[in-house]
Amino acid sequence: LAVSRLLERDQHFTALFASNDQMAIGACLGLHRRNLRVPDDVSLVGFDDLIMARYAMPPLTTVRQSVYEIGAEAATAMLSLLRGNRPEVQLPAPALVVRESTRRMLR
């Protein structure tokens, strides 16, 4: 639906970044229904690195952020707060996982 509205604006674009992988996969379907090919016509990137991202067609380029590590940091911070201490939180850095839904644009 969002991709359809974007395409109806008749503005040229070469890439889309979705706020999560599920939305990116939905955008891929919307682009396909408008006869646009990922990544030939539009590069597509998601966020989350869900398991389904690697099996999407084409496999989805995404940003991975470890939910496990974030959860562990949150638990450690909560335990620190319960002990009356100020928690020190170090969130893991996100990582770009390049797959087949993106391509380099030629100038």
Protein backbone atom coordinates (compact mmCIF):
# COMPACT_ATOMS: atom_id res chain seq x y z
CA LEU A 1 0.00 0.00 0.00
CA ALA A 2 2.74 2.48 0.94
CA VAL A 3 4.73 1.57 -2.17
CA SER A 4 1.66 2.13 -4.34
CA ARG A 5 1.18 5.59 -2.84
CA LEU A 6 4.86 6.38 -3.36
CA LEU A 7 4.71 5.29 -6.99
CA GLU A 8 1.54 7.32 -7.58
CA ARG A 9 3.50 10.49 -6.74
CA ASP A 10 5.37 9.92 -9.96
CA GLN A 11 8.74 10.74 -8.40
CA HIS A 12 11.77 8.81 -9.55
CA PHE A 13 13.67 6.87 -6.88
CA THR A 14 16.27 4.12 -7.00
CA ALA A 15 16.19 2.78 -3.44
CA LEU A 16 13.88 2.15 -0.51
CA PHE A 17 14.75 1.61 3.14
CA ALA A 18 12.02 -0.07 5.17
CA SER A 19 11.89 0.19 8.94
CA ASN A 20 11.77 -3.59 9.23
CA ASP A 21 12.21 -6.70 7.08
CA GLN A 22 8.49 -7.51 6.95
CA MET A 23 7.76 -4.09 5.47
CA ALA A 24 10.64 -4.50 3.01
CA ILE A 25 9.24 -7.84 1.81
CA GLY A 26 5.82 -6.21 1.41
CA ALA A 27 7.45 -3.37 -0.53
CA CYS A 28 9.13 -5.93 -2.77
CA LEU A 29 5.72 -7.43 -3.56
CA GLY A 30 4.29 -3.96 -4.26
CA LEU A 31 7.16 -3.17 -6.62
CA HIS A 32 6.72 -6.52 -8.37
CA ARG A 33 3.02 -5.80 -8.91
CA ARG A 34 4.02 -2.55 -10.64
CA ASN A 35 6.52 -4.43 -12.86
CA LEU A 36 9.54 -2.98 -11.07
CA ARG A 37 12.43 -5.35 -10.39
CA VAL A 38 14.48 -5.50 -7.20
CA PRO A 39 17.36 -4.63 -7.42
CA ASP A 40 17.49 -3.79 -11.15
CA ASP A 41 15.01 -0.92 -10.88
CA VAL A 42 14.92 -0.29 -7.12
CA SER A 43 17.35 -1.37 -4.40
CA LEU A 44 15.64 -2.46 -1.20
CA VAL A 45 16.94 -2.61 2.39
CA GLY A 46 15.17 -3.79 5.53
CA PHE A 47 15.98 -3.78 9.23
CA ASP A 48 16.03 -6.71 11.70
CA ASP A 49 17.63 -9.55 9.73
CA LEU A 50 14.71 -11.87 10.28
CA ILE A 51 15.32 -15.43 9.11
CA MET A 52 12.87 -14.95 6.23
CA ALA A 53 15.05 -12.10 4.87
CA ARG A 54 17.66 -14.55 3.60
CA TYR A 55 14.97 -16.63 1.85
CA ALA A 56 13.06 -13.75 0.25
CA MET A 57 13.29 -13.39 -3.53
CA PRO A 58 15.70 -11.79 -3.97
CA PRO A 59 17.41 -12.34 -0.61
CA LEU A 60 16.99 -9.09 1.33
CA THR A 61 19.81 -6.73 2.25
CA THR A 62 19.15 -5.74 5.84
CA VAL A 63 20.56 -4.22 9.00
CA ARG A 64 21.21 -6.71 11.79
CA GLN A 65 20.96 -5.68 15.39
CA SER A 66 21.29 -8.51 17.89
CA VAL A 67 18.08 -8.77 19.89
CA TYR A 68 19.80 -11.28 22.18
CA GLU A 69 22.64 -8.87 23.01
CA ILE A 70 20.23 -5.97 23.53
CA GLY A 71 18.15 -8.15 25.86
CA ALA A 72 21.24 -9.22 27.80
CA GLU A 73 22.31 -5.57 28.21
CA ALA A 74 18.80 -4.64 29.36
CA ALA A 75 18.76 -7.44 31.94
CA THR A 76 22.21 -6.47 33.24
CA ALA A 77 21.12 -2.82 33.47
CA MET A 78 17.95 -3.78 35.35
CA LEU A 79 19.93 -5.86 37.86
CA SER A 80 22.31 -2.95 38.35
CA LEU A 81 19.38 -0.59 39.00
CA LEU A 82 17.89 -3.05 41.50
CA ARG A 83 21.22 -3.04 43.38
CA GLY A 84 21.02 0.76 43.51
CA ASN A 85 23.78 1.33 40.96
CA ARG A 86 23.78 3.40 37.83
CA PRO A 87 23.87 0.98 34.89
CA GLU A 88 26.44 1.26 32.15
CA VAL A 89 24.91 0.08 28.91
CA GLN A 90 26.89 -0.66 25.75
CA LEU A 91 24.51 -1.51 22.92
CA PRO A 92 25.89 -3.65 20.11
CA ALA A 93 26.62 -1.86 16.86
CA PRO A 94 24.24 -2.61 13.99
CA ALA A 95 25.73 -4.41 11.00
CA LEU A 96 24.77 -4.16 7.35
CA VAL A 97 24.11 -7.59 5.83
CA VAL A 98 24.42 -7.20 2.07
CA ARG A 99 22.40 -9.68 0.04
CA GLU A 100 20.87 -9.55 -3.44
CA SER A 101 18.20 -6.83 -3.05
CA THR A 102 20.66 -3.99 -3.57
CA ARG A 103 23.04 -3.01 -6.31
CA ARG A 104 25.54 -0.26 -6.95
CA MET A 105 24.13 2.52 -9.09
CA LEU A 106 26.21 3.64 -12.03
CA ARG A 107 26.52 7.38 -12.57
